[in-house]
């Protein structure tokens, strides 16, 4: 039996804690689809993400080396975000997960609805 006890550097926990929220994956898919984007354009594209959450998520993706943040010395300052090579290498896995979700979403939602009805 394989054990998954917490250790200092557990790659499964570490990666899932960074990418397991909906915002990180949505931002990465948005950048893959649209290419280099400015902060306000990312926020408009995603729609329901707050400015603070977008900032926090972009910082964590940058810290992990999945995106690059470029600041241009202009007035007003212009900041652009793009996927790194490492970020692009992750995209086939995210796209595969998205494909699986699209394929099974209808059945999953039906089961959830049936469970809610049984509890009511």
PDB file of N, CA and C in Angstrom:
ATOM      1  N   UNK A   1       0.854  -1.176   0.000  1.00  0.00           N
ATOM      2  CA  UNK A   1       0.000   0.000   0.000  1.00  0.00           C
ATOM      3  C   UNK A   1       0.896   1.234   0.000  1.00  0.00           C
ATOM      4  N   UNK A   2       0.569   2.198  -0.863  1.00  0.00           N
ATOM      5  CA  UNK A   2       1.315   3.453  -0.972  1.00  0.00           C
ATOM      6  C   UNK A   2       0.781   4.435   0.062  1.00  0.00           C
ATOM      7  N   UNK A   3       1.664   5.019   0.848  1.00  0.00           N
ATOM      8  CA  UNK A   3       1.271   6.011   1.843  1.00  0.00           C
ATOM      9  C   UNK A   3       1.530   7.408   1.322  1.00  0.00           C
ATOM     10  N   UNK A   4       0.659   8.341   1.687  1.00  0.00           N
ATOM     11  CA  UNK A   4       0.818   9.731   1.274  1.00  0.00           C
ATOM     12  C   UNK A   4       0.823  10.637   2.507  1.00  0.00           C
ATOM     13  N   UNK A   5       1.648  10.241   3.480  1.00  0.00           N
ATOM     14  CA  UNK A   5       1.777  11.049   4.688  1.00  0.00           C
ATOM     15  C   UNK A   5       2.451  12.366   4.351  1.00  0.00           C
ATOM     16  N   UNK A   6       2.098  13.378   5.107  1.00  0.00           N
ATOM     17  CA  UNK A   6       2.669  14.705   4.865  1.00  0.00           C
ATOM     18  C   UNK A   6       4.176  14.689   5.131  1.00  0.00           C
ATOM     19  N   UNK A   7       4.907  15.146   4.157  1.00  0.00           N
ATOM     20  CA  UNK A   7       6.342  15.359   4.314  1.00  0.00           C
ATOM     21  C   UNK A   7       6.623  16.792   3.867  1.00  0.00           C
ATOM     22  N   UNK A   8       7.810  17.279   4.121  1.00  0.00           N
ATOM     23  CA  UNK A   8       8.124  18.672   3.813  1.00  0.00           C
ATOM     24  C   UNK A   8       7.909  19.034   2.349  1.00  0.00           C
ATOM     25  N   UNK A   9       8.290  18.167   1.436  1.00  0.00           N
ATOM     26  CA  UNK A   9       8.208  18.514   0.013  1.00  0.00           C
ATOM     27  C   UNK A   9       7.406  17.470  -0.747  1.00  0.00           C
ATOM     28  N   UNK A  10       6.131  17.395  -0.483  1.00  0.00           N
ATOM     29  CA  UNK A  10       5.264  16.449  -1.181  1.00  0.00           C
ATOM     30  C   UNK A  10       4.802  17.092  -2.481  1.00  0.00           C
ATOM     31  N   UNK A  11       5.264  16.586  -3.620  1.00  0.00           N
ATOM     32  CA  UNK A  11       4.915  17.232  -4.886  1.00  0.00           C
ATOM     33  C   UNK A  11       3.418  17.243  -5.189  1.00  0.00           C
ATOM     34  N   UNK A  12       2.708  16.211  -4.786  1.00  0.00           N
ATOM     35  CA  UNK A  12       1.263  16.169  -5.045  1.00  0.00           C
ATOM     36  C   UNK A  12       0.565  17.294  -4.296  1.00  0.00           C
ATOM     37  N   UNK A  13       0.825  17.405  -3.003  1.00  0.00           N
ATOM     38  CA  UNK A  13       0.183  18.455  -2.201  1.00  0.00           C
ATOM     39  C   UNK A  13       0.590  19.845  -2.683  1.00  0.00           C
ATOM     40  N   UNK A  14       1.873  20.001  -2.972  1.00  0.00           N
ATOM     41  CA  UNK A  14       2.382  21.308  -3.359  1.00  0.00           C
ATOM     42  C   UNK A  14       1.760  21.792  -4.662  1.00  0.00           C
ATOM     43  N   UNK A  15       1.760  20.964  -5.686  1.00  0.00           N
ATOM     44  CA  UNK A  15       1.214  21.366  -6.983  1.00  0.00           C
ATOM     45  C   UNK A  15      -0.292  21.568  -6.899  1.00  0.00           C
ATOM     46  N   UNK A  16      -0.994  20.651  -6.260  1.00  0.00           N
ATOM     47  CA  UNK A  16      -2.449  20.786  -6.168  1.00  0.00           C
ATOM     48  C   UNK A  16      -2.864  21.993  -5.340  1.00  0.00           C
ATOM     49  N   UNK A  17      -2.077  22.353  -4.331  1.00  0.00           N
ATOM     50  CA  UNK A  17      -2.430  23.531  -3.538  1.00  0.00           C
ATOM     51  C   UNK A  17      -2.325  24.800  -4.365  1.00  0.00           C
ATOM     52  N   UNK A  18      -1.417  24.830  -5.331  1.00  0.00           N
ATOM     53  CA  UNK A  18      -1.258  26.012  -6.193  1.00  0.00           C
ATOM     54  C   UNK A  18      -2.248  26.021  -7.352  1.00  0.00           C
ATOM     55  N   UNK A  19      -2.479  24.877  -7.937  1.00  0.00           N
ATOM     56  CA  UNK A  19      -3.306  24.819  -9.145  1.00  0.00           C
ATOM     57  C   UNK A  19      -4.717  24.319  -8.892  1.00  0.00           C
ATOM     58  N   UNK A  20      -4.989  23.886  -7.671  1.00  0.00           N
ATOM     59  CA  UNK A  20      -6.280  23.276  -7.372  1.00  0.00           C
ATOM     60  C   UNK A  20      -7.440  24.251  -7.289  1.00  0.00           C
ATOM     61  N   UNK A  21      -7.155  25.536  -7.236  1.00  0.00           N
ATOM     62  CA  UNK A  21      -8.271  26.475  -7.216  1.00  0.00           C
ATOM     63  C   UNK A  21      -8.674  26.831  -8.651  1.00  0.00           C
ATOM     64  N   UNK A  22      -9.892  27.252  -8.817  1.00  0.00           N
ATOM     65  CA  UNK A  22     -10.394  27.514 -10.166  1.00  0.00           C
ATOM     66  C   UNK A  22      -9.698  28.686 -10.838  1.00  0.00           C
ATOM     67  N   UNK A  23      -9.195  29.631 -10.079  1.00  0.00           N
ATOM     68  CA  UNK A  23      -8.624  30.829 -10.684  1.00  0.00           C
ATOM     69  C   UNK A  23      -7.315  30.550 -11.400  1.00  0.00           C
ATOM     70  N   UNK A  24      -6.440  29.776 -10.800  1.00  0.00           N
ATOM     71  CA  UNK A  24      -5.138  29.509 -11.418  1.00  0.00           C
ATOM     72  C   UNK A  24      -5.316  28.850 -12.779  1.00  0.00           C
ATOM     73  N   UNK A  25      -6.145  27.841 -12.837  1.00  0.00           N
ATOM     74  CA  UNK A  25      -6.364  27.154 -14.113  1.00  0.00           C
ATOM     75  C   UNK A  25      -7.052  28.058 -15.131  1.00  0.00           C
ATOM     76  N   UNK A  26      -8.034  28.831 -14.693  1.00  0.00           N
ATOM     77  CA  UNK A  26      -8.721  29.747 -15.616  1.00  0.00           C
ATOM     78  C   UNK A  26      -7.763  30.801 -16.170  1.00  0.00           C
ATOM     79  N   UNK A  27      -6.897  31.319 -15.333  1.00  0.00           N
ATOM     80  CA  UNK A  27      -5.918  32.307 -15.794  1.00  0.00           C
ATOM     81  C   UNK A  27      -4.975  31.680 -16.805  1.00  0.00           C
ATOM     82  N   UNK A  28      -4.498  30.480 -16.518  1.00  0.00           N
ATOM     83  CA  UNK A  28      -3.572  29.824 -17.439  1.00  0.00           C
ATOM     84  C   UNK A  28      -4.249  29.506 -18.775  1.00  0.00           C
ATOM     85  N   UNK A  29      -5.472  29.018 -18.733  1.00  0.00           N
ATOM     86  CA  UNK A  29      -6.210  28.734 -19.973  1.00  0.00           C
ATOM     87  C   UNK A  29      -6.449  30.035 -20.744  1.00  0.00           C
ATOM     88  N   UNK A  30      -6.781  31.108 -20.036  1.00  0.00           N
ATOM     89  CA  UNK A  30      -6.992  32.409 -20.668  1.00  0.00           C
ATOM     90  C   UNK A  30      -5.731  32.891 -21.372  1.00  0.00           C
ATOM     91  N   UNK A  31      -4.579  32.774 -20.700  1.00  0.00           N
ATOM     92  CA  UNK A  31      -3.317  33.202 -21.306  1.00  0.00           C
ATOM     93  C   UNK A  31      -2.922  32.305 -22.482  1.00  0.00           C
ATOM     94  N   UNK A  32      -3.204  31.024 -22.370  1.00  0.00           N
ATOM     95  CA  UNK A  32      -2.892  30.105 -23.482  1.00  0.00           C
ATOM     96  C   UNK A  32      -3.752  30.458 -24.696  1.00  0.00           C
ATOM     97  N   UNK A  33      -5.009  30.746 -24.466  1.00  0.00           N
ATOM     98  CA  UNK A  33      -5.942  31.039 -25.548  1.00  0.00           C
ATOM     99  C   UNK A  33      -5.669  32.395 -26.194  1.00  0.00           C
ATOM    100  N   UNK A  34      -5.391  33.400 -25.371  1.00  0.00           N
ATOM    101  CA  UNK A  34      -5.285  34.774 -25.859  1.00  0.00           C
ATOM    102  C   UNK A  34      -3.853  35.280 -26.019  1.00  0.00           C
ATOM    103  N   UNK A  35      -2.882  34.554 -25.518  1.00  0.00           N
ATOM    104  CA  UNK A  35      -1.500  35.031 -25.580  1.00  0.00           C
ATOM    105  C   UNK A  35      -1.242  36.056 -24.493  1.00  0.00           C
ATOM    106  N   UNK A  36      -0.272  36.918 -24.726  1.00  0.00           N
ATOM    107  CA  UNK A  36       0.097  37.942 -23.756  1.00  0.00           C
ATOM    108  C   UNK A  36      -1.087  38.869 -23.502  1.00  0.00           C
ATOM    109  N   UNK A  37      -1.336  39.136 -22.205  1.00  0.00           N
ATOM    110  CA  UNK A  37      -2.489  39.962 -21.838  1.00  0.00           C
ATOM    111  C   UNK A  37      -2.132  40.916 -20.709  1.00  0.00           C
ATOM    112  N   UNK A  38      -2.856  42.025 -20.673  1.00  0.00           N
ATOM    113  CA  UNK A  38      -2.749  42.969 -19.567  1.00  0.00           C
ATOM    114  C   UNK A  38      -3.693  42.533 -18.450  1.00  0.00           C
ATOM    115  N   UNK A  39      -3.420  43.044 -17.241  1.00  0.00           N
ATOM    116  CA  UNK A  39      -4.195  42.691 -16.053  1.00  0.00           C
ATOM    117  C   UNK A  39      -5.690  42.902 -16.284  1.00  0.00           C
ATOM    118  N   UNK A  40      -6.056  44.094 -16.747  1.00  0.00           N
ATOM    119  CA  UNK A  40      -7.485  44.408 -16.901  1.00  0.00           C
ATOM    120  C   UNK A  40      -8.144  43.507 -17.946  1.00  0.00           C
ATOM    121  N   UNK A  41      -7.394  43.102 -18.960  1.00  0.00           N
ATOM    122  CA  UNK A  41      -7.960  42.216 -19.979  1.00  0.00           C
ATOM    123  C   UNK A  41      -8.191  40.805 -19.427  1.00  0.00           C
ATOM    124  N   UNK A  42      -7.282  40.341 -18.589  1.00  0.00           N
ATOM    125  CA  UNK A  42      -7.475  39.036 -17.939  1.00  0.00           C
ATOM    126  C   UNK A  42      -8.733  39.086 -17.082  1.00  0.00           C
ATOM    127  N   UNK A  43      -8.858  40.168 -16.302  1.00  0.00           N
ATOM    128  CA  UNK A  43     -10.018  40.304 -15.416  1.00  0.00           C
ATOM    129  C   UNK A  43     -11.323  40.372 -16.214  1.00  0.00           C
ATOM    130  N   UNK A  44     -11.333  41.096 -17.322  1.00  0.00           N
ATOM    131  CA  UNK A  44     -12.541  41.179 -18.159  1.00  0.00           C
ATOM    132  C   UNK A  44     -12.874  39.832 -18.778  1.00  0.00           C
ATOM    133  N   UNK A  45     -11.864  39.103 -19.197  1.00  0.00           N
ATOM    134  CA  UNK A  45     -12.078  37.812 -19.843  1.00  0.00           C
ATOM    135  C   UNK A  45     -12.670  36.798 -18.877  1.00  0.00           C
ATOM    136  N   UNK A  46     -12.157  36.780 -17.657  1.00  0.00           N
ATOM    137  CA  UNK A  46     -12.646  35.815 -16.662  1.00  0.00           C
ATOM    138  C   UNK A  46     -13.979  36.278 -16.084  1.00  0.00           C
ATOM    139  N   UNK A  47     -14.111  37.555 -15.845  1.00  0.00           N
ATOM    140  CA  UNK A  47     -15.400  38.114 -15.445  1.00  0.00           C
ATOM    141  C   UNK A  47     -15.656  38.185 -13.964  1.00  0.00           C
ATOM    142  N   UNK A  48     -15.742  37.059 -13.290  1.00  0.00           N
ATOM    143  CA  UNK A  48     -16.180  37.076 -11.893  1.00  0.00           C
ATOM    144  C   UNK A  48     -15.035  36.979 -10.888  1.00  0.00           C
ATOM    145  N   UNK A  49     -13.821  37.281 -11.291  1.00  0.00           N
ATOM    146  CA  UNK A  49     -12.686  37.268 -10.372  1.00  0.00           C
ATOM    147  C   UNK A  49     -12.456  38.684  -9.854  1.00  0.00           C
ATOM    148  N   UNK A  50     -12.232  38.792  -8.554  1.00  0.00           N
ATOM    149  CA  UNK A  50     -11.980  40.113  -7.971  1.00  0.00           C
ATOM    150  C   UNK A  50     -10.557  40.562  -8.305  1.00  0.00           C
ATOM    151  N   UNK A  51     -10.340  41.851  -8.207  1.00  0.00           N
ATOM    152  CA  UNK A  51      -9.016  42.401  -8.478  1.00  0.00           C
ATOM    153  C   UNK A  51      -7.987  41.810  -7.518  1.00  0.00           C
ATOM    154  N   UNK A  52      -8.353  41.701  -6.257  1.00  0.00           N
ATOM    155  CA  UNK A  52      -7.439  41.155  -5.258  1.00  0.00           C
ATOM    156  C   UNK A  52      -7.093  39.697  -5.554  1.00  0.00           C
ATOM    157  N   UNK A  53      -8.104  38.885  -5.873  1.00  0.00           N
ATOM    158  CA  UNK A  53      -7.862  37.462  -6.139  1.00  0.00           C
ATOM    159  C   UNK A  53      -7.019  37.285  -7.396  1.00  0.00           C
ATOM    160  N   UNK A  54      -7.255  38.108  -8.404  1.00  0.00           N
ATOM    161  CA  UNK A  54      -6.451  38.043  -9.617  1.00  0.00           C
ATOM    162  C   UNK A  54      -5.000  38.388  -9.301  1.00  0.00           C
ATOM    163  N   UNK A  55      -4.786  39.429  -8.511  1.00  0.00           N
ATOM    164  CA  UNK A  55      -3.431  39.823  -8.127  1.00  0.00           C
ATOM    165  C   UNK A  55      -2.727  38.706  -7.370  1.00  0.00           C
ATOM    166  N   UNK A  56      -3.390  38.139  -6.385  1.00  0.00           N
ATOM    167  CA  UNK A  56      -2.805  37.066  -5.575  1.00  0.00           C
ATOM    168  C   UNK A  56      -2.473  35.853  -6.441  1.00  0.00           C
ATOM    169  N   UNK A  57      -3.387  35.477  -7.319  1.00  0.00           N
ATOM    170  CA  UNK A  57      -3.176  34.301  -8.163  1.00  0.00           C
ATOM    171  C   UNK A  57      -2.065  34.534  -9.171  1.00  0.00           C
ATOM    172  N   UNK A  58      -2.036  35.709  -9.785  1.00  0.00           N
ATOM    173  CA  UNK A  58      -0.958  36.020 -10.726  1.00  0.00           C
ATOM    174  C   UNK A  58       0.401  35.980 -10.034  1.00  0.00           C
ATOM    175  N   UNK A  59       0.475  36.508  -8.822  1.00  0.00           N
ATOM    176  CA  UNK A  59       1.739  36.490  -8.074  1.00  0.00           C
ATOM    177  C   UNK A  59       2.197  35.061  -7.791  1.00  0.00           C
ATOM    178  N   UNK A  60       1.275  34.199  -7.394  1.00  0.00           N
ATOM    179  CA  UNK A  60       1.668  32.816  -7.097  1.00  0.00           C
ATOM    180  C   UNK A  60       2.091  32.073  -8.368  1.00  0.00           C
ATOM    181  N   UNK A  61       1.407  32.313  -9.479  1.00  0.00           N
ATOM    182  CA  UNK A  61       1.784  31.688 -10.750  1.00  0.00           C
ATOM    183  C   UNK A  61       3.153  32.192 -11.211  1.00  0.00           C
ATOM    184  N   UNK A  62       3.413  33.480 -10.980  1.00  0.00           N
ATOM    185  CA  UNK A  62       4.724  34.045 -11.324  1.00  0.00           C
ATOM    186  C   UNK A  62       5.812  33.456 -10.426  1.00  0.00           C
ATOM    187  N   UNK A  63       5.524  33.339  -9.131  1.00  0.00           N
ATOM    188  CA  UNK A  63       6.487  32.793  -8.186  1.00  0.00           C
ATOM    189  C   UNK A  63       6.867  31.351  -8.552  1.00  0.00           C
ATOM    190  N   UNK A  64       5.905  30.602  -9.059  1.00  0.00           N
ATOM    191  CA  UNK A  64       6.148  29.212  -9.439  1.00  0.00           C
ATOM    192  C   UNK A  64       6.774  29.084 -10.828  1.00  0.00           C
ATOM    193  N   UNK A  65       6.939  30.205 -11.516  1.00  0.00           N
ATOM    194  CA  UNK A  65       7.563  30.171 -12.830  1.00  0.00           C
ATOM    195  C   UNK A  65       6.635  29.731 -13.949  1.00  0.00           C
ATOM    196  N   UNK A  66       5.330  29.858 -13.738  1.00  0.00           N
ATOM    197  CA  UNK A  66       4.362  29.452 -14.762  1.00  0.00           C
ATOM    198  C   UNK A  66       3.958  30.601 -15.675  1.00  0.00           C
ATOM    199  N   UNK A  67       4.102  31.829 -15.178  1.00  0.00           N
ATOM    200  CA  UNK A  67       3.844  33.004 -16.006  1.00  0.00           C
ATOM    201  C   UNK A  67       4.979  34.006 -15.810  1.00  0.00           C
ATOM    202  N   UNK A  68       5.087  34.915 -16.775  1.00  0.00           N
ATOM    203  CA  UNK A  68       6.043  36.018 -16.689  1.00  0.00           C
ATOM    204  C   UNK A  68       5.250  37.308 -16.602  1.00  0.00           C
ATOM    205  N   UNK A  69       5.694  38.183 -15.718  1.00  0.00           N
ATOM    206  CA  UNK A  69       5.102  39.518 -15.565  1.00  0.00           C
ATOM    207  C   UNK A  69       6.106  40.512 -16.121  1.00  0.00           C
ATOM    208  N   UNK A  70       5.689  41.282 -17.112  1.00  0.00           N
ATOM    209  CA  UNK A  70       6.568  42.296 -17.704  1.00  0.00           C
ATOM    210  C   UNK A  70       5.996  43.677 -17.416  1.00  0.00           C
ATOM    211  N   UNK A  71       6.831  44.527 -16.822  1.00  0.00           N
ATOM    212  CA  UNK A  71       6.434  45.890 -16.514  1.00  0.00           C
ATOM    213  C   UNK A  71       7.152  46.820 -17.485  1.00  0.00           C
ATOM    214  N   UNK A  72       6.387  47.688 -18.135  1.00  0.00           N
ATOM    215  CA  UNK A  72       6.942  48.642 -19.089  1.00  0.00           C
ATOM    216  C   UNK A  72       6.983  50.021 -18.445  1.00  0.00           C
ATOM    217  N   UNK A  73       8.117  50.680 -18.561  1.00  0.00           N
ATOM    218  CA  UNK A  73       8.305  52.005 -17.963  1.00  0.00           C
ATOM    219  C   UNK A  73       7.606  53.059 -18.812  1.00  0.00           C
ATOM    220  N   UNK A  74       6.318  53.134 -18.663  1.00  0.00           N
ATOM    221  CA  UNK A  74       5.492  54.095 -19.385  1.00  0.00           C
ATOM    222  C   UNK A  74       4.602  54.809 -18.379  1.00  0.00           C
ATOM    223  N   UNK A  75       3.975  55.869 -18.831  1.00  0.00           N
ATOM    224  CA  UNK A  75       3.013  56.575 -17.989  1.00  0.00           C
ATOM    225  C   UNK A  75       1.672  56.533 -18.704  1.00  0.00           C
ATOM    226  N   UNK A  76       0.664  55.899 -18.138  1.00  0.00           N
ATOM    227  CA  UNK A  76       0.717  55.070 -16.935  1.00  0.00           C
ATOM    228  C   UNK A  76       1.472  53.762 -17.199  1.00  0.00           C
ATOM    229  N   UNK A  77       1.958  53.114 -16.121  1.00  0.00           N
ATOM    230  CA  UNK A  77       2.717  51.874 -16.303  1.00  0.00           C
ATOM    231  C   UNK A  77       1.858  50.791 -16.965  1.00  0.00           C
ATOM    232  N   UNK A  78       2.488  50.037 -17.830  1.00  0.00           N
ATOM    233  CA  UNK A  78       1.800  48.932 -18.506  1.00  0.00           C
ATOM    234  C   UNK A  78       2.430  47.634 -18.014  1.00  0.00           C
ATOM    235  N   UNK A  79       1.573  46.675 -17.639  1.00  0.00           N
ATOM    236  CA  UNK A  79       2.032  45.369 -17.160  1.00  0.00           C
ATOM    237  C   UNK A  79       1.364  44.308 -18.019  1.00  0.00           C
ATOM    238  N   UNK A  80       2.162  43.357 -18.495  1.00  0.00           N
ATOM    239  CA  UNK A  80       1.643  42.266 -19.315  1.00  0.00           C
ATOM    240  C   UNK A  80       2.048  40.931 -18.716  1.00  0.00           C
ATOM    241  N   UNK A  81       1.204  39.940 -18.943  1.00  0.00           N
ATOM    242  CA  UNK A  81       1.428  38.590 -18.444  1.00  0.00           C
ATOM    243  C   UNK A  81       1.407  37.610 -19.601  1.00  0.00           C
ATOM    244  N   UNK A  82       2.278  36.628 -19.531  1.00  0.00           N
ATOM    245  CA  UNK A  82       2.312  35.578 -20.545  1.00  0.00           C
ATOM    246  C   UNK A  82       2.779  34.280 -19.900  1.00  0.00           C
ATOM    247  N   UNK A  83       2.434  33.164 -20.500  1.00  0.00           N
ATOM    248  CA  UNK A  83       2.884  31.868 -19.996  1.00  0.00           C
ATOM    249  C   UNK A  83       4.374  31.692 -20.260  1.00  0.00           C
ATOM    250  N   UNK A  84       5.047  31.025 -19.346  1.00  0.00           N
ATOM    251  CA  UNK A  84       6.444  30.646 -19.554  1.00  0.00           C
ATOM    252  C   UNK A  84       6.483  29.307 -20.282  1.00  0.00           C
ATOM    253  N   UNK A  85       7.666  28.868 -20.601  1.00  0.00           N
ATOM    254  CA  UNK A  85       7.819  27.540 -21.213  1.00  0.00           C
ATOM    255  C   UNK A  85       7.280  26.459 -20.272  1.00  0.00           C
ATOM    256  N   UNK A  86       7.546  26.628 -18.982  1.00  0.00           N
ATOM    257  CA  UNK A  86       7.024  25.683 -17.992  1.00  0.00           C
ATOM    258  C   UNK A  86       5.501  25.732 -17.951  1.00  0.00           C
ATOM    259  N   UNK A  87       4.947  26.929 -18.033  1.00  0.00           N
ATOM    260  CA  UNK A  87       3.489  27.078 -18.063  1.00  0.00           C
ATOM    261  C   UNK A  87       2.884  26.398 -19.272  1.00  0.00           C
ATOM    262  N   UNK A  88       3.506  26.591 -20.433  1.00  0.00           N
ATOM    263  CA  UNK A  88       3.021  25.928 -21.647  1.00  0.00           C
ATOM    264  C   UNK A  88       3.122  24.407 -21.524  1.00  0.00           C
ATOM    265  N   UNK A  89       4.158  23.920 -20.841  1.00  0.00           N
ATOM    266  CA  UNK A  89       4.310  22.461 -20.710  1.00  0.00           C
ATOM    267  C   UNK A  89       3.219  21.860 -19.831  1.00  0.00           C
ATOM    268  N   UNK A  90       2.618  22.669 -18.972  1.00  0.00           N
ATOM    269  CA  UNK A  90       1.527  22.205 -18.106  1.00  0.00           C
ATOM    270  C   UNK A  90       0.179  22.197 -18.832  1.00  0.00           C
ATOM    271  N   UNK A  91       0.047  22.988 -19.863  1.00  0.00           N
ATOM    272  CA  UNK A  91      -1.245  23.172 -20.533  1.00  0.00           C
ATOM    273  C   UNK A  91      -1.871  21.885 -21.085  1.00  0.00           C
ATOM    274  N   UNK A  92      -1.133  20.970 -21.694  1.00  0.00           N
ATOM    275  CA  UNK A  92      -1.794  19.736 -22.156  1.00  0.00           C
ATOM    276  C   UNK A  92      -2.480  18.966 -21.028  1.00  0.00           C
ATOM    277  N   UNK A  93      -1.915  19.021 -19.834  1.00  0.00           N
ATOM    278  CA  UNK A  93      -2.511  18.327 -18.686  1.00  0.00           C
ATOM    279  C   UNK A  93      -3.778  19.042 -18.219  1.00  0.00           C
ATOM    280  N   UNK A  94      -3.735  20.363 -18.189  1.00  0.00           N
ATOM    281  CA  UNK A  94      -4.920  21.133 -17.820  1.00  0.00           C
ATOM    282  C   UNK A  94      -6.010  20.940 -18.868  1.00  0.00           C
ATOM    283  N   UNK A  95      -5.634  20.989 -20.147  1.00  0.00           N
ATOM    284  CA  UNK A  95      -6.611  20.811 -21.220  1.00  0.00           C
ATOM    285  C   UNK A  95      -7.229  19.414 -21.180  1.00  0.00           C
ATOM    286  N   UNK A  96      -6.439  18.433 -20.810  1.00  0.00           N
ATOM    287  CA  UNK A  96      -6.966  17.079 -20.673  1.00  0.00           C
ATOM    288  C   UNK A  96      -7.996  17.013 -19.545  1.00  0.00           C
ATOM    289  N   UNK A  97      -7.689  17.657 -18.430  1.00  0.00           N
ATOM    290  CA  UNK A  97      -8.622  17.696 -17.302  1.00  0.00           C
ATOM    291  C   UNK A  97      -9.897  18.452 -17.678  1.00  0.00           C
ATOM    292  N   UNK A  98      -9.750  19.558 -18.388  1.00  0.00           N
ATOM    293  CA  UNK A  98     -10.917  20.321 -18.848  1.00  0.00           C
ATOM    294  C   UNK A  98     -11.765  19.470 -19.796  1.00  0.00           C
ATOM    295  N   UNK A  99     -11.117  18.748 -20.695  1.00  0.00           N
ATOM    296  CA  UNK A  99     -11.837  17.860 -21.613  1.00  0.00           C
ATOM    297  C   UNK A  99     -12.621  16.789 -20.874  1.00  0.00           C
ATOM    298  N   UNK A 100     -11.994  16.206 -19.852  1.00  0.00           N
ATOM    299  CA  UNK A 100     -12.669  15.197 -19.037  1.00  0.00           C
ATOM    300  C   UNK A 100     -13.892  15.822 -18.353  1.00  0.00           C
ATOM    301  N   UNK A 101     -13.709  17.027 -17.797  1.00  0.00           N
ATOM    302  CA  UNK A 101     -14.819  17.703 -17.104  1.00  0.00           C
ATOM    303  C   UNK A 101     -15.966  17.979 -18.066  1.00  0.00           C
ATOM    304  N   UNK A 102     -15.654  18.437 -19.272  1.00  0.00           N
ATOM    305  CA  UNK A 102     -16.705  18.705 -20.256  1.00  0.00           C
ATOM    306  C   UNK A 102     -17.444  17.430 -20.650  1.00  0.00           C
ATOM    307  N   UNK A 103     -16.700  16.358 -20.792  1.00  0.00           N
ATOM    308  CA  UNK A 103     -17.295  15.075 -21.191  1.00  0.00           C
ATOM    309  C   UNK A 103     -18.236  14.525 -20.126  1.00  0.00           C
ATOM    310  N   UNK A 104     -17.905  14.748 -18.855  1.00  0.00           N
ATOM    311  CA  UNK A 104     -18.660  14.124 -17.761  1.00  0.00           C
ATOM    312  C   UNK A 104     -19.526  15.097 -16.963  1.00  0.00           C
ATOM    313  N   UNK A 105     -19.509  16.372 -17.317  1.00  0.00           N
ATOM    314  CA  UNK A 105     -20.213  17.367 -16.518  1.00  0.00           C
ATOM    315  C   UNK A 105     -21.708  17.103 -16.415  1.00  0.00           C
ATOM    316  N   UNK A 106     -22.340  16.743 -17.490  1.00  0.00           N
ATOM    317  CA  UNK A 106     -23.787  16.506 -17.474  1.00  0.00           C
ATOM    318  C   UNK A 106     -24.152  15.405 -16.482  1.00  0.00           C
ATOM    319  N   UNK A 107     -23.424  14.283 -16.520  1.00  0.00           N
ATOM    320  CA  UNK A 107     -23.706  13.180 -15.594  1.00  0.00           C
ATOM    321  C   UNK A 107     -23.433  13.574 -14.150  1.00  0.00           C
ATOM    322  N   UNK A 108     -22.358  14.297 -13.922  1.00  0.00           N
ATOM    323  CA  UNK A 108     -22.019  14.721 -12.559  1.00  0.00           C
ATOM    324  C   UNK A 108     -23.105  15.646 -12.014  1.00  0.00           C
ATOM    325  N   UNK A 109     -23.546  16.602 -12.824  1.00  0.00           N
ATOM    326  CA  UNK A 109     -24.594  17.528 -12.373  1.00  0.00           C
ATOM    327  C   UNK A 109     -25.909  16.807 -12.108  1.00  0.00           C
ATOM    328  N   UNK A 110     -26.237  15.796 -12.931  1.00  0.00           N
ATOM    329  CA  UNK A 110     -27.449  14.995 -12.699  1.00  0.00           C
ATOM    330  C   UNK A 110     -27.359  14.264 -11.368  1.00  0.00           C
ATOM    331  N   UNK A 111     -26.212  13.678 -11.083  1.00  0.00           N
ATOM    332  CA  UNK A 111     -26.040  12.953  -9.811  1.00  0.00           C
ATOM    333  C   UNK A 111     -26.133  13.900  -8.621  1.00  0.00           C
ATOM    334  N   UNK A 112     -25.535  15.067  -8.743  1.00  0.00           N
ATOM    335  CA  UNK A 112     -25.621  16.051  -7.655  1.00  0.00           C
ATOM    336  C   UNK A 112     -27.067  16.451  -7.414  1.00  0.00           C
ATOM    337  N   UNK A 113     -27.785  16.710  -8.489  1.00  0.00           N
ATOM    338  CA  UNK A 113     -29.185  17.112  -8.383  1.00  0.00           C
ATOM    339  C   UNK A 113     -30.005  16.000  -7.740  1.00  0.00           C
ATOM    340  N   UNK A 114     -29.767  14.756  -8.141  1.00  0.00           N
ATOM    341  CA  UNK A 114     -30.497  13.618  -7.578  1.00  0.00           C
ATOM    342  C   UNK A 114     -30.199  13.487  -6.081  1.00  0.00           C
ATOM    343  N   UNK A 115     -28.970  13.706  -5.692  1.00  0.00           N
ATOM    344  CA  UNK A 115     -28.593  13.621  -4.267  1.00  0.00           C
ATOM    345  C   UNK A 115     -29.287  14.719  -3.472  1.00  0.00           C
ATOM    346  N   UNK A 116     -29.356  15.926  -4.024  1.00  0.00           N
ATOM    347  CA  UNK A 116     -30.035  17.016  -3.333  1.00  0.00           C
ATOM    348  C   UNK A 116     -31.522  16.710  -3.154  1.00  0.00           C
ATOM    349  N   UNK A 117     -32.143  16.134  -4.191  1.00  0.00           N
ATOM    350  CA  UNK A 117     -33.562  15.788  -4.110  1.00  0.00           C
ATOM    351  C   UNK A 117     -33.818  14.706  -3.072  1.00  0.00           C
ATOM    352  N   UNK A 118     -32.892  13.750  -2.974  1.00  0.00           N
ATOM    353  CA  UNK A 118     -33.057  12.665  -1.987  1.00  0.00           C
ATOM    354  C   UNK A 118     -32.929  13.199  -0.571  1.00  0.00           C
ATOM    355  N   UNK A 119     -32.121  14.236  -0.357  1.00  0.00           N
ATOM    356  CA  UNK A 119     -31.928  14.804   0.966  1.00  0.00           C
ATOM    357  C   UNK A 119     -33.071  15.725   1.359  1.00  0.00           C
ATOM    358  N   UNK A 120     -33.805  16.242   0.385  1.00  0.00           N
ATOM    359  CA  UNK A 120     -34.899  17.188   0.667  1.00  0.00           C
ATOM    360  C   UNK A 120     -36.144  16.511   1.142  1.00  0.00           C
TER     361      UNK A 120
END
